[in-house]
Amino acid sequence: MRVHGRRTALALAAGLLAVATACTSDAQPRSTPTSSAAAATSSPSPSPDEPEVTRTEAAEVFAEVTVSDDVLRVKSDLQGRLGLAVDLTAGGQTRITVADYLSTDYAPRRYTWGSPTLFVPRFEQGEESPWFSALATRDGHPTLLTFTRSDRWRISSAAQLEPGQELPEIELDADGYADAVASDDKTVTISPQFMGPVHASVAETGTAGVTAGLVAEGPYTTEVAEQIASRREDAKTEGFSYDSIFSADNYPVYALRTKDGGALIQYSLSRTTTTTTRTAEDDYIPVPRSARWAISTPVLRRTLRLVETHQYATVVPPLTAPKAAPVIAHDGALTRASGT
């Protein structure tokens, strides 16, 4: 089942590559490497003590999914590529991928990937939703990715390390496998299931909220809260109402045990910003250039609604050594826009 899902994705991408290459002369994708998963017609039964996902399989998945993604990003007039590209994603990556295509007239940015360092949890055989993480350079920038499997392997999260930040040491067993932290784990200062809501609260209320001090100050937390408060006051003066709300939605959360007993948590948030006119009929709301791909008019009369999808990686300390958790990686995009 695993091999079949990956072979299907590669077959679709390979077929599309042939057409895209014929249609495009100025963008040649990298060749797809031969892998055991693509060549094999069947896979041997795993030994009883073998993990559900081996490190070898994880390496194959990383190569195959990133190459397939690159093939689909080759510039051409084939809008059907978007459906195939979406099928390589899950969670917040799906919304970001759709926006990548729609905002560029189906010519999204292509990436160059470096060799990955893999962090593969030792899941027991039969695990229904296995996943693993990888740290690799994306266009020269260290980026943390997470791949998850349902019917096939998909990219669920991708967050670029912030300048000056490094990945914490991940706890590995004697065979090189990582330890996945349970969503309700109580040995860390913020359980993985609460990481999104806590971050959302800090991004909205800053140092004044009940969650102040749990997540470190910075551009994705307290500084965002300051910007929201400032923009709200400016909007009042200009005769508008303004609000910006973060939410965790139902995005998946992934957590790896760090060597100090803490956790590296990967998660996504949505940010919904609404601007509404409150005064005379001749008031209008300018549509930012970043949203023109979704809204055809340069101004709106009543309401502008912008939805962003953000993906983060935060290092949460163990409960035995509490301190503010720093956000070390981020990526995000405007993924929806509407108005009247």
C-alpha atoms as a PDB file:
ATOM      1  CA  MET A   1       0.000   0.000   0.000  1.00  0.00           C
ATOM      2  CA  ARG A   2       2.806   2.401   0.874  1.00  0.00           C
ATOM      3  CA  VAL A   3       4.756   1.648  -2.289  1.00  0.00           C
ATOM      4  CA  HIS A   4       1.658   1.871  -4.457  1.00  0.00           C
ATOM      5  CA  GLY A   5       0.774   5.384  -3.182  1.00  0.00           C
ATOM      6  CA  ARG A   6       4.244   6.748  -3.883  1.00  0.00           C
ATOM      7  CA  ARG A   7       4.443   5.061  -7.285  1.00  0.00           C
ATOM      8  CA  THR A   8       1.109   6.628  -8.243  1.00  0.00           C
ATOM      9  CA  ALA A   9       2.289  10.122  -7.341  1.00  0.00           C
ATOM     10  CA  LEU A  10       5.497   9.664  -9.291  1.00  0.00           C
ATOM     11  CA  ALA A  11       3.690   8.252 -12.303  1.00  0.00           C
ATOM     12  CA  LEU A  12       1.327  11.220 -12.404  1.00  0.00           C
ATOM     13  CA  ALA A  13       4.193  13.683 -12.043  1.00  0.00           C
ATOM     14  CA  ALA A  14       6.342  11.909 -14.627  1.00  0.00           C
ATOM     15  CA  GLY A  15       3.543  11.966 -17.175  1.00  0.00           C
ATOM     16  CA  LEU A  16       2.891  15.622 -16.533  1.00  0.00           C
ATOM     17  CA  LEU A  17       6.596  16.387 -16.806  1.00  0.00           C
ATOM     18  CA  ALA A  18       6.665  15.061 -20.365  1.00  0.00           C
ATOM     19  CA  VAL A  19       3.810  17.361 -21.378  1.00  0.00           C
ATOM     20  CA  ALA A  20       5.136  20.367 -19.464  1.00  0.00           C
ATOM     21  CA  THR A  21       8.585  19.953 -21.016  1.00  0.00           C
ATOM     22  CA  ALA A  22       7.057  19.909 -24.481  1.00  0.00           C
ATOM     23  CA  CYS A  23       5.153  23.108 -23.719  1.00  0.00           C
ATOM     24  CA  THR A  24       8.007  24.936 -22.022  1.00  0.00           C
ATOM     25  CA  SER A  25      11.486  25.636 -23.284  1.00  0.00           C
ATOM     26  CA  ASP A  26      12.760  28.024 -20.609  1.00  0.00           C
ATOM     27  CA  ALA A  27      12.255  25.898 -17.491  1.00  0.00           C
ATOM     28  CA  GLN A  28      13.683  22.390 -17.328  1.00  0.00           C
ATOM     29  CA  PRO A  29      13.026  20.482 -14.080  1.00  0.00           C
ATOM     30  CA  ARG A  30      15.555  18.252 -12.424  1.00  0.00           C
ATOM     31  CA  SER A  31      15.391  14.633 -13.476  1.00  0.00           C
ATOM     32  CA  THR A  32      13.538  12.257 -11.189  1.00  0.00           C
ATOM     33  CA  PRO A  33      15.970   9.936  -9.383  1.00  0.00           C
ATOM     34  CA  THR A  34      15.415   6.218  -9.588  1.00  0.00           C
ATOM     35  CA  SER A  35      14.329   4.789  -6.242  1.00  0.00           C
ATOM     36  CA  SER A  36      13.610   1.342  -4.925  1.00  0.00           C
ATOM     37  CA  ALA A  37      10.021   2.380  -4.219  1.00  0.00           C
ATOM     38  CA  ALA A  38       9.405   3.441  -7.807  1.00  0.00           C
ATOM     39  CA  ALA A  39      11.071   0.358  -9.285  1.00  0.00           C
ATOM     40  CA  ALA A  40       9.670  -2.304  -7.003  1.00  0.00           C
ATOM     41  CA  THR A  41       6.491  -4.153  -7.861  1.00  0.00           C
ATOM     42  CA  SER A  42       6.057  -5.510  -4.354  1.00  0.00           C
ATOM     43  CA  SER A  43       7.608  -5.029  -0.935  1.00  0.00           C
ATOM     44  CA  PRO A  44       8.710  -7.752   1.485  1.00  0.00           C
ATOM     45  CA  SER A  45       6.821  -8.232   4.710  1.00  0.00           C
ATOM     46  CA  PRO A  46       8.435  -6.254   7.535  1.00  0.00           C
ATOM     47  CA  SER A  47      10.004  -8.080  10.441  1.00  0.00           C
ATOM     48  CA  PRO A  48       7.953  -7.975  13.676  1.00  0.00           C
ATOM     49  CA  ASP A  49      10.300  -5.477  15.364  1.00  0.00           C
ATOM     50  CA  GLU A  50      10.635  -3.142  12.354  1.00  0.00           C
ATOM     51  CA  PRO A  51       9.023   0.316  12.797  1.00  0.00           C
ATOM     52  CA  GLU A  52       5.956   1.240  10.754  1.00  0.00           C
ATOM     53  CA  VAL A  53       8.136   3.781   8.915  1.00  0.00           C
ATOM     54  CA  THR A  54      11.827   3.045   8.481  1.00  0.00           C
ATOM     55  CA  ARG A  55      14.499   5.678   8.009  1.00  0.00           C
ATOM     56  CA  THR A  56      15.178   4.259   4.544  1.00  0.00           C
ATOM     57  CA  GLU A  57      11.530   4.671   3.559  1.00  0.00           C
ATOM     58  CA  ALA A  58      11.518   8.220   4.948  1.00  0.00           C
ATOM     59  CA  ALA A  59      14.519   9.120   2.779  1.00  0.00           C
ATOM     60  CA  GLU A  60      12.719   7.748  -0.294  1.00  0.00           C
ATOM     61  CA  VAL A  61       9.555   9.676   0.555  1.00  0.00           C
ATOM     62  CA  PHE A  62      11.442  12.958   0.958  1.00  0.00           C
ATOM     63  CA  ALA A  63      13.106  12.555  -2.448  1.00  0.00           C
ATOM     64  CA  GLU A  64       9.975  11.435  -4.267  1.00  0.00           C
ATOM     65  CA  VAL A  65       7.549  13.998  -2.877  1.00  0.00           C
ATOM     66  CA  THR A  66       9.882  16.982  -3.289  1.00  0.00           C
ATOM     67  CA  VAL A  67      10.781  15.952  -6.838  1.00  0.00           C
ATOM     68  CA  SER A  68       7.109  15.422  -7.722  1.00  0.00           C
ATOM     69  CA  ASP A  69       6.276  18.841  -6.257  1.00  0.00           C
ATOM     70  CA  ASP A  70       9.028  20.436  -8.353  1.00  0.00           C
ATOM     71  CA  VAL A  71       7.803  18.757 -11.536  1.00  0.00           C
ATOM     72  CA  LEU A  72       4.314  20.173 -11.026  1.00  0.00           C
ATOM     73  CA  ARG A  73       5.696  23.692 -10.508  1.00  0.00           C
ATOM     74  CA  VAL A  74       7.221  23.842 -13.997  1.00  0.00           C
ATOM     75  CA  LYS A  75       5.670  26.839 -15.753  1.00  0.00           C
ATOM     76  CA  SER A  76       3.112  25.815 -18.377  1.00  0.00           C
ATOM     77  CA  ASP A  77      -0.524  26.363 -19.314  1.00  0.00           C
ATOM     78  CA  LEU A  78      -1.651  23.173 -17.570  1.00  0.00           C
ATOM     79  CA  GLN A  79      -3.934  24.434 -14.813  1.00  0.00           C
ATOM     80  CA  GLY A  80      -4.752  20.838 -13.923  1.00  0.00           C
ATOM     81  CA  ARG A  81      -1.369  20.682 -12.224  1.00  0.00           C
ATOM     82  CA  LEU A  82      -2.912  22.376  -9.207  1.00  0.00           C
ATOM     83  CA  GLY A  83      -5.104  19.371  -8.421  1.00  0.00           C
ATOM     84  CA  LEU A  84      -2.095  17.067  -8.558  1.00  0.00           C
ATOM     85  CA  ALA A  85      -0.031  19.455  -6.442  1.00  0.00           C
ATOM     86  CA  VAL A  86      -2.766  19.646  -3.806  1.00  0.00           C
ATOM     87  CA  ASP A  87      -2.784  15.853  -3.643  1.00  0.00           C
ATOM     88  CA  LEU A  88       0.842  16.031  -2.451  1.00  0.00           C
ATOM     89  CA  THR A  89      -0.120  18.180   0.539  1.00  0.00           C
ATOM     90  CA  ALA A  90      -2.055  18.061   3.803  1.00  0.00           C
ATOM     91  CA  GLY A  91      -2.940  20.454   6.618  1.00  0.00           C
ATOM     92  CA  GLY A  92      -1.845  24.057   6.251  1.00  0.00           C
ATOM     93  CA  GLN A  93       0.329  23.182   3.261  1.00  0.00           C
ATOM     94  CA  THR A  94      -2.773  22.596   1.161  1.00  0.00           C
ATOM     95  CA  ARG A  95      -4.009  26.167   1.539  1.00  0.00           C
ATOM     96  CA  ILE A  96      -0.526  27.581   0.991  1.00  0.00           C
ATOM     97  CA  THR A  97      -0.051  25.484  -2.155  1.00  0.00           C
ATOM     98  CA  VAL A  98      -3.387  26.574  -3.637  1.00  0.00           C
ATOM     99  CA  ALA A  99      -2.459  30.216  -3.023  1.00  0.00           C
ATOM    100  CA  ASP A 100       0.995  29.632  -4.553  1.00  0.00           C
ATOM    101  CA  TYR A 101      -0.628  28.586  -7.820  1.00  0.00           C
ATOM    102  CA  LEU A 102      -3.550  31.019  -7.940  1.00  0.00           C
ATOM    103  CA  SER A 103      -1.527  34.097  -6.975  1.00  0.00           C
ATOM    104  CA  THR A 104       1.080  33.456  -9.697  1.00  0.00           C
ATOM    105  CA  ASP A 105      -1.249  32.559 -12.566  1.00  0.00           C
ATOM    106  CA  TYR A 106      -0.304  28.891 -12.160  1.00  0.00           C
ATOM    107  CA  ALA A 107       3.441  29.569 -12.266  1.00  0.00           C
ATOM    108  CA  PRO A 108       4.472  29.058  -8.614  1.00  0.00           C
ATOM    109  CA  ARG A 109       7.990  29.439  -7.354  1.00  0.00           C
ATOM    110  CA  ARG A 110      10.189  26.372  -7.694  1.00  0.00           C
ATOM    111  CA  TYR A 111      12.556  25.212  -4.961  1.00  0.00           C
ATOM    112  CA  THR A 112      15.986  23.649  -4.851  1.00  0.00           C
ATOM    113  CA  TRP A 113      16.320  21.168  -1.979  1.00  0.00           C
ATOM    114  CA  GLY A 114      19.430  20.019  -0.160  1.00  0.00           C
ATOM    115  CA  SER A 115      20.004  16.601   1.417  1.00  0.00           C
ATOM    116  CA  PRO A 116      17.760  16.061   4.458  1.00  0.00           C
ATOM    117  CA  THR A 117      18.495  15.201   8.062  1.00  0.00           C
ATOM    118  CA  LEU A 118      15.649  12.873   9.008  1.00  0.00           C
ATOM    119  CA  PHE A 119      13.792  12.620  12.320  1.00  0.00           C
ATOM    120  CA  VAL A 120      11.656   9.498  12.104  1.00  0.00           C
ATOM    121  CA  PRO A 121       9.567   8.494  15.139  1.00  0.00           C
ATOM    122  CA  ARG A 122       9.607   4.806  15.972  1.00  0.00           C
ATOM    123  CA  PHE A 123       5.935   4.044  15.383  1.00  0.00           C
ATOM    124  CA  GLU A 124       4.746   0.523  16.009  1.00  0.00           C
ATOM    125  CA  GLN A 125       3.501  -1.439  13.033  1.00  0.00           C
ATOM    126  CA  GLY A 126      -0.137  -0.683  12.324  1.00  0.00           C
ATOM    127  CA  GLU A 127       0.077   3.034  13.176  1.00  0.00           C
ATOM    128  CA  GLU A 128      -2.716   4.634  11.132  1.00  0.00           C
ATOM    129  CA  SER A 129      -1.252   8.134  10.762  1.00  0.00           C
ATOM    130  CA  PRO A 130       2.537   7.918  10.811  1.00  0.00           C
ATOM    131  CA  TRP A 131       4.685  10.962  10.118  1.00  0.00           C
ATOM    132  CA  PHE A 132       8.280  12.105  10.145  1.00  0.00           C
ATOM    133  CA  SER A 133      10.204  15.364   9.942  1.00  0.00           C
ATOM    134  CA  ALA A 134      13.181  16.450   7.880  1.00  0.00           C
ATOM    135  CA  LEU A 135      15.556  19.398   8.050  1.00  0.00           C
ATOM    136  CA  ALA A 136      16.841  20.394   4.617  1.00  0.00           C
ATOM    137  CA  THR A 137      17.908  23.528   2.821  1.00  0.00           C
ATOM    138  CA  ARG A 138      15.254  25.054   0.574  1.00  0.00           C
ATOM    139  CA  ASP A 139      16.908  27.492  -1.796  1.00  0.00           C
ATOM    140  CA  GLY A 140      19.798  27.567   0.646  1.00  0.00           C
ATOM    141  CA  HIS A 141      17.678  28.239   3.762  1.00  0.00           C
ATOM    142  CA  PRO A 142      17.320  25.539   6.465  1.00  0.00           C
ATOM    143  CA  THR A 143      13.684  24.450   6.448  1.00  0.00           C
ATOM    144  CA  LEU A 144      11.847  22.006   8.694  1.00  0.00           C
ATOM    145  CA  LEU A 145       9.291  19.818   6.923  1.00  0.00           C
ATOM    146  CA  THR A 146       6.839  17.223   8.115  1.00  0.00           C
ATOM    147  CA  PHE A 147       5.456  14.417   5.965  1.00  0.00           C
ATOM    148  CA  THR A 148       2.338  12.503   6.946  1.00  0.00           C
ATOM    149  CA  ARG A 149       0.714   9.375   5.528  1.00  0.00           C
ATOM    150  CA  SER A 150      -2.944   8.488   5.075  1.00  0.00           C
ATOM    151  CA  ASP A 151      -3.640   6.877   1.701  1.00  0.00           C
ATOM    152  CA  ARG A 152      -0.287   8.248   0.505  1.00  0.00           C
ATOM    153  CA  TRP A 153       2.573  10.432   1.764  1.00  0.00           C
ATOM    154  CA  ARG A 154       2.023  14.185   1.748  1.00  0.00           C
ATOM    155  CA  ILE A 155       3.833  17.328   2.927  1.00  0.00           C
ATOM    156  CA  SER A 156       1.884  18.707   5.884  1.00  0.00           C
ATOM    157  CA  SER A 157       4.170  21.441   7.186  1.00  0.00           C
ATOM    158  CA  ALA A 158       7.148  23.523   6.059  1.00  0.00           C
ATOM    159  CA  ALA A 159       8.719  26.268   8.166  1.00  0.00           C
ATOM    160  CA  GLN A 160      11.987  28.072   7.461  1.00  0.00           C
ATOM    161  CA  LEU A 161      14.384  28.553  10.364  1.00  0.00           C
ATOM    162  CA  GLU A 162      14.687  32.168  11.437  1.00  0.00           C
ATOM    163  CA  PRO A 163      18.097  33.856  11.052  1.00  0.00           C
ATOM    164  CA  GLY A 164      20.369  32.902  13.940  1.00  0.00           C
ATOM    165  CA  GLN A 165      18.126  30.013  15.051  1.00  0.00           C
ATOM    166  CA  GLU A 166      19.178  26.372  15.114  1.00  0.00           C
ATOM    167  CA  LEU A 167      17.241  23.196  15.532  1.00  0.00           C
ATOM    168  CA  PRO A 168      17.497  21.799  19.071  1.00  0.00           C
ATOM    169  CA  GLU A 169      19.075  18.398  19.575  1.00  0.00           C
ATOM    170  CA  ILE A 170      16.438  15.739  18.987  1.00  0.00           C
ATOM    171  CA  GLU A 171      16.428  12.683  21.246  1.00  0.00           C
ATOM    172  CA  LEU A 172      17.334   9.584  19.218  1.00  0.00           C
ATOM    173  CA  ASP A 173      17.473   5.946  20.262  1.00  0.00           C
ATOM    174  CA  ALA A 174      20.354   3.559  19.534  1.00  0.00           C
ATOM    175  CA  ASP A 175      19.005   2.909  16.024  1.00  0.00           C
ATOM    176  CA  GLY A 176      18.605   6.595  15.185  1.00  0.00           C
ATOM    177  CA  TYR A 177      14.823   6.814  15.633  1.00  0.00           C
ATOM    178  CA  ALA A 178      13.143   9.795  17.271  1.00  0.00           C
ATOM    179  CA  ASP A 179      10.459   9.896  19.955  1.00  0.00           C
ATOM    180  CA  ALA A 180       7.090  11.441  19.092  1.00  0.00           C
ATOM    181  CA  VAL A 181       5.619  13.477  21.952  1.00  0.00           C
ATOM    182  CA  ALA A 182       1.959  12.732  22.705  1.00  0.00           C
ATOM    183  CA  SER A 183      -0.514  15.561  22.137  1.00  0.00           C
ATOM    184  CA  ASP A 184      -1.470  15.627  25.838  1.00  0.00           C
ATOM    185  CA  ASP A 185       2.075  15.236  27.173  1.00  0.00           C
ATOM    186  CA  LYS A 186       2.412  16.942  30.561  1.00  0.00           C
ATOM    187  CA  THR A 187       6.197  16.825  30.946  1.00  0.00           C
ATOM    188  CA  VAL A 188       6.633  20.009  28.868  1.00  0.00           C
ATOM    189  CA  THR A 189       5.557  23.582  29.654  1.00  0.00           C
ATOM    190  CA  ILE A 190       3.013  23.597  26.800  1.00  0.00           C
ATOM    191  CA  SER A 191       1.387  20.348  25.722  1.00  0.00           C
ATOM    192  CA  PRO A 192       1.420  19.964  21.909  1.00  0.00           C
ATOM    193  CA  GLN A 193      -2.396  20.110  21.728  1.00  0.00           C
ATOM    194  CA  PHE A 194      -2.345  23.558  23.369  1.00  0.00           C
ATOM    195  CA  MET A 195       0.579  25.028  21.429  1.00  0.00           C
ATOM    196  CA  GLY A 196      -1.589  26.558  18.695  1.00  0.00           C
ATOM    197  CA  PRO A 197      -4.177  28.169  21.014  1.00  0.00           C
ATOM    198  CA  VAL A 198      -1.435  29.531  23.312  1.00  0.00           C
ATOM    199  CA  HIS A 199       0.467  31.047  20.389  1.00  0.00           C
ATOM    200  CA  ALA A 200      -2.756  32.500  18.979  1.00  0.00           C
ATOM    201  CA  SER A 201      -3.532  34.140  22.310  1.00  0.00           C
ATOM    202  CA  VAL A 202      -0.074  35.720  22.577  1.00  0.00           C
ATOM    203  CA  ALA A 203      -0.258  36.962  18.967  1.00  0.00           C
ATOM    204  CA  GLU A 204      -3.559  38.707  19.740  1.00  0.00           C
ATOM    205  CA  THR A 205      -2.988  40.004  23.272  1.00  0.00           C
ATOM    206  CA  GLY A 206       0.795  40.224  23.602  1.00  0.00           C
ATOM    207  CA  THR A 207       2.169  40.806  27.079  1.00  0.00           C
ATOM    208  CA  ALA A 208      -1.269  41.683  28.493  1.00  0.00           C
ATOM    209  CA  GLY A 209      -2.964  38.308  28.088  1.00  0.00           C
ATOM    210  CA  VAL A 210      -3.197  35.320  30.414  1.00  0.00           C
ATOM    211  CA  THR A 211      -0.717  33.394  28.228  1.00  0.00           C
ATOM    212  CA  ALA A 212       1.951  36.102  28.431  1.00  0.00           C
ATOM    213  CA  GLY A 213       5.358  34.643  29.220  1.00  0.00           C
ATOM    214  CA  LEU A 214       4.613  31.167  27.900  1.00  0.00           C
ATOM    215  CA  VAL A 215       5.851  31.956  24.384  1.00  0.00           C
ATOM    216  CA  ALA A 216       8.900  34.164  23.843  1.00  0.00           C
ATOM    217  CA  GLU A 217       8.510  37.721  22.572  1.00  0.00           C
ATOM    218  CA  GLY A 218       9.278  38.240  18.907  1.00  0.00           C
ATOM    219  CA  PRO A 219       8.010  39.048  15.407  1.00  0.00           C
ATOM    220  CA  TYR A 220       5.411  36.248  15.360  1.00  0.00           C
ATOM    221  CA  THR A 221       4.041  36.789  18.857  1.00  0.00           C
ATOM    222  CA  THR A 222       4.179  40.044  20.852  1.00  0.00           C
ATOM    223  CA  GLU A 223       5.187  42.210  17.891  1.00  0.00           C
ATOM    224  CA  VAL A 224       2.154  41.003  15.952  1.00  0.00           C
ATOM    225  CA  ALA A 225      -0.066  41.901  18.919  1.00  0.00           C
ATOM    226  CA  GLU A 226       1.425  45.417  18.976  1.00  0.00           C
ATOM    227  CA  GLN A 227       0.795  45.826  15.243  1.00  0.00           C
ATOM    228  CA  ILE A 228      -2.819  44.711  15.621  1.00  0.00           C
ATOM    229  CA  ALA A 229      -3.437  47.135  18.486  1.00  0.00           C
ATOM    230  CA  SER A 230      -1.832  50.006  16.567  1.00  0.00           C
ATOM    231  CA  ARG A 231      -3.776  49.282  13.391  1.00  0.00           C
ATOM    232  CA  ARG A 232      -7.033  49.054  15.354  1.00  0.00           C
ATOM    233  CA  GLU A 233      -6.484  52.557  16.756  1.00  0.00           C
ATOM    234  CA  ASP A 234      -5.517  53.966  13.359  1.00  0.00           C
ATOM    235  CA  ALA A 235      -8.634  52.442  11.790  1.00  0.00           C
ATOM    236  CA  LYS A 236     -10.855  54.121  14.384  1.00  0.00           C
ATOM    237  CA  THR A 237      -9.388  57.497  13.508  1.00  0.00           C
ATOM    238  CA  GLU A 238      -9.945  56.826   9.811  1.00  0.00           C
ATOM    239  CA  GLY A 239     -13.577  55.779  10.313  1.00  0.00           C
ATOM    240  CA  PHE A 240     -13.128  52.015   9.991  1.00  0.00           C
ATOM    241  CA  SER A 241     -13.369  49.038  12.298  1.00  0.00           C
ATOM    242  CA  TYR A 242     -10.441  46.618  12.254  1.00  0.00           C
ATOM    243  CA  ASP A 243      -9.747  43.294  13.905  1.00  0.00           C
ATOM    244  CA  SER A 244      -7.317  40.427  13.394  1.00  0.00           C
ATOM    245  CA  ILE A 245      -7.874  37.017  14.960  1.00  0.00           C
ATOM    246  CA  PHE A 246      -5.647  33.918  15.103  1.00  0.00           C
ATOM    247  CA  SER A 247      -7.075  30.417  15.347  1.00  0.00           C
ATOM    248  CA  ALA A 248      -5.694  26.881  15.426  1.00  0.00           C
ATOM    249  CA  ASP A 249      -8.607  25.429  13.405  1.00  0.00           C
ATOM    250  CA  ASN A 250      -8.230  21.643  13.022  1.00  0.00           C
ATOM    251  CA  TYR A 251      -4.683  21.627  11.703  1.00  0.00           C
ATOM    252  CA  PRO A 252      -2.507  18.682  12.777  1.00  0.00           C
ATOM    253  CA  VAL A 253       0.252  19.155  15.348  1.00  0.00           C
ATOM    254  CA  TYR A 254       3.550  17.245  15.399  1.00  0.00           C
ATOM    255  CA  ALA A 255       6.020  17.084  18.264  1.00  0.00           C
ATOM    256  CA  LEU A 256       9.455  15.502  18.691  1.00  0.00           C
ATOM    257  CA  ARG A 257      11.215  14.951  22.018  1.00  0.00           C
ATOM    258  CA  THR A 258      14.338  17.076  22.418  1.00  0.00           C
ATOM    259  CA  LYS A 259      17.446  15.887  24.219  1.00  0.00           C
ATOM    260  CA  ASP A 260      16.772  18.118  27.242  1.00  0.00           C
ATOM    261  CA  GLY A 261      13.335  16.561  27.785  1.00  0.00           C
ATOM    262  CA  GLY A 262      11.413  19.334  26.020  1.00  0.00           C
ATOM    263  CA  ALA A 263       9.681  19.216  22.647  1.00  0.00           C
ATOM    264  CA  LEU A 264      10.006  20.636  19.158  1.00  0.00           C
ATOM    265  CA  ILE A 265       6.399  21.356  18.144  1.00  0.00           C
ATOM    266  CA  GLN A 266       5.260  21.994  14.572  1.00  0.00           C
ATOM    267  CA  TYR A 267       1.799  23.480  14.023  1.00  0.00           C
ATOM    268  CA  SER A 268      -0.281  25.856  11.891  1.00  0.00           C
ATOM    269  CA  LEU A 269      -2.492  28.859  12.588  1.00  0.00           C
ATOM    270  CA  SER A 270      -4.986  30.854  10.538  1.00  0.00           C
ATOM    271  CA  ARG A 271      -5.105  34.633  10.810  1.00  0.00           C
ATOM    272  CA  THR A 272      -8.320  36.378   9.736  1.00  0.00           C
ATOM    273  CA  THR A 273      -8.178  40.159   9.381  1.00  0.00           C
ATOM    274  CA  THR A 274     -11.392  42.112   8.782  1.00  0.00           C
ATOM    275  CA  THR A 275     -11.710  45.795   7.906  1.00  0.00           C
ATOM    276  CA  THR A 276     -15.170  47.385   7.716  1.00  0.00           C
ATOM    277  CA  THR A 277     -16.318  50.923   6.882  1.00  0.00           C
ATOM    278  CA  ARG A 278     -18.374  52.645   9.560  1.00  0.00           C
ATOM    279  CA  THR A 279     -19.111  56.138   8.236  1.00  0.00           C
ATOM    280  CA  ALA A 280     -20.237  57.822   5.008  1.00  0.00           C
ATOM    281  CA  GLU A 281     -21.164  55.996   1.818  1.00  0.00           C
ATOM    282  CA  ASP A 282     -18.196  57.386  -0.061  1.00  0.00           C
ATOM    283  CA  ASP A 283     -15.697  55.682   2.231  1.00  0.00           C
ATOM    284  CA  TYR A 284     -13.776  52.830   0.644  1.00  0.00           C
ATOM    285  CA  ILE A 285     -11.205  50.207   1.622  1.00  0.00           C
ATOM    286  CA  PRO A 286      -8.100  49.809  -0.558  1.00  0.00           C
ATOM    287  CA  VAL A 287      -7.311  46.215  -1.552  1.00  0.00           C
ATOM    288  CA  PRO A 288      -3.634  45.424  -0.900  1.00  0.00           C
ATOM    289  CA  ARG A 289      -1.600  44.290  -3.892  1.00  0.00           C
ATOM    290  CA  SER A 290      -0.981  40.935  -2.200  1.00  0.00           C
ATOM    291  CA  ALA A 291      -4.734  40.216  -2.466  1.00  0.00           C
ATOM    292  CA  ARG A 292      -5.350  41.377  -6.058  1.00  0.00           C
ATOM    293  CA  TRP A 293      -5.162  37.790  -7.314  1.00  0.00           C
ATOM    294  CA  ALA A 294      -8.340  37.021  -5.346  1.00  0.00           C
ATOM    295  CA  ILE A 295     -10.173  40.386  -5.556  1.00  0.00           C
ATOM    296  CA  SER A 296     -10.413  42.045  -8.956  1.00  0.00           C
ATOM    297  CA  THR A 297     -11.274  45.576  -7.822  1.00  0.00           C
ATOM    298  CA  PRO A 298      -8.668  47.961  -6.316  1.00  0.00           C
ATOM    299  CA  VAL A 299     -11.104  49.194  -3.640  1.00  0.00           C
ATOM    300  CA  LEU A 300     -14.111  47.852  -1.716  1.00  0.00           C
ATOM    301  CA  ARG A 301     -17.084  49.749  -0.316  1.00  0.00           C
ATOM    302  CA  ARG A 302     -17.888  47.887   2.872  1.00  0.00           C
ATOM    303  CA  THR A 303     -15.742  44.982   4.031  1.00  0.00           C
ATOM    304  CA  LEU A 304     -12.357  43.439   3.322  1.00  0.00           C
ATOM    305  CA  ARG A 305     -11.548  40.009   4.737  1.00  0.00           C
ATOM    306  CA  LEU A 306      -8.040  38.550   4.473  1.00  0.00           C
ATOM    307  CA  VAL A 307      -7.143  35.023   5.615  1.00  0.00           C
ATOM    308  CA  GLU A 308      -3.522  33.980   6.082  1.00  0.00           C
ATOM    309  CA  THR A 309      -2.143  30.523   6.841  1.00  0.00           C
ATOM    310  CA  HIS A 310       1.011  30.329   8.951  1.00  0.00           C
ATOM    311  CA  GLN A 311       3.181  27.378   9.903  1.00  0.00           C
ATOM    312  CA  TYR A 312       5.582  27.433  12.848  1.00  0.00           C
ATOM    313  CA  ALA A 313       8.092  25.392  14.801  1.00  0.00           C
ATOM    314  CA  THR A 314       8.519  26.245  18.479  1.00  0.00           C
ATOM    315  CA  VAL A 315      10.914  24.794  21.047  1.00  0.00           C
ATOM    316  CA  VAL A 316       9.046  24.088  24.282  1.00  0.00           C
ATOM    317  CA  PRO A 317      11.185  23.495  27.396  1.00  0.00           C
ATOM    318  CA  PRO A 318      10.629  20.666  29.879  1.00  0.00           C
ATOM    319  CA  LEU A 319       8.410  21.349  32.884  1.00  0.00           C
ATOM    320  CA  THR A 320      11.459  20.901  35.113  1.00  0.00           C
ATOM    321  CA  ALA A 321      13.139  23.961  33.549  1.00  0.00           C
ATOM    322  CA  PRO A 322      10.326  26.346  32.555  1.00  0.00           C
ATOM    323  CA  LYS A 323      10.974  29.411  30.400  1.00  0.00           C
ATOM    324  CA  ALA A 324       9.368  31.182  27.464  1.00  0.00           C
ATOM    325  CA  ALA A 325       9.221  28.974  24.360  1.00  0.00           C
ATOM    326  CA  PRO A 326      10.911  30.551  21.304  1.00  0.00           C
ATOM    327  CA  VAL A 327       9.402  30.346  17.819  1.00  0.00           C
ATOM    328  CA  ILE A 328      12.371  29.240  15.712  1.00  0.00           C
ATOM    329  CA  ALA A 329      10.820  28.668  12.272  1.00  0.00           C
ATOM    330  CA  HIS A 330       7.984  30.104  10.203  1.00  0.00           C
ATOM    331  CA  ASP A 331       6.414  30.218   6.781  1.00  0.00           C
ATOM    332  CA  GLY A 332       3.089  31.599   5.674  1.00  0.00           C
ATOM    333  CA  ALA A 333       1.012  33.236   2.978  1.00  0.00           C
ATOM    334  CA  LEU A 334      -2.208  35.069   2.247  1.00  0.00           C
ATOM    335  CA  THR A 335      -4.450  32.163   1.271  1.00  0.00           C
ATOM    336  CA  ARG A 336      -7.895  33.734   0.880  1.00  0.00           C
ATOM    337  CA  ALA A 337      -9.363  37.188   0.303  1.00  0.00           C
ATOM    338  CA  SER A 338     -12.919  38.442  -0.122  1.00  0.00           C
ATOM    339  CA  GLY A 339     -14.981  41.570   0.286  1.00  0.00           C
ATOM    340  CA  THR A 340     -17.955  43.676  -0.719  1.00  0.00           C
END
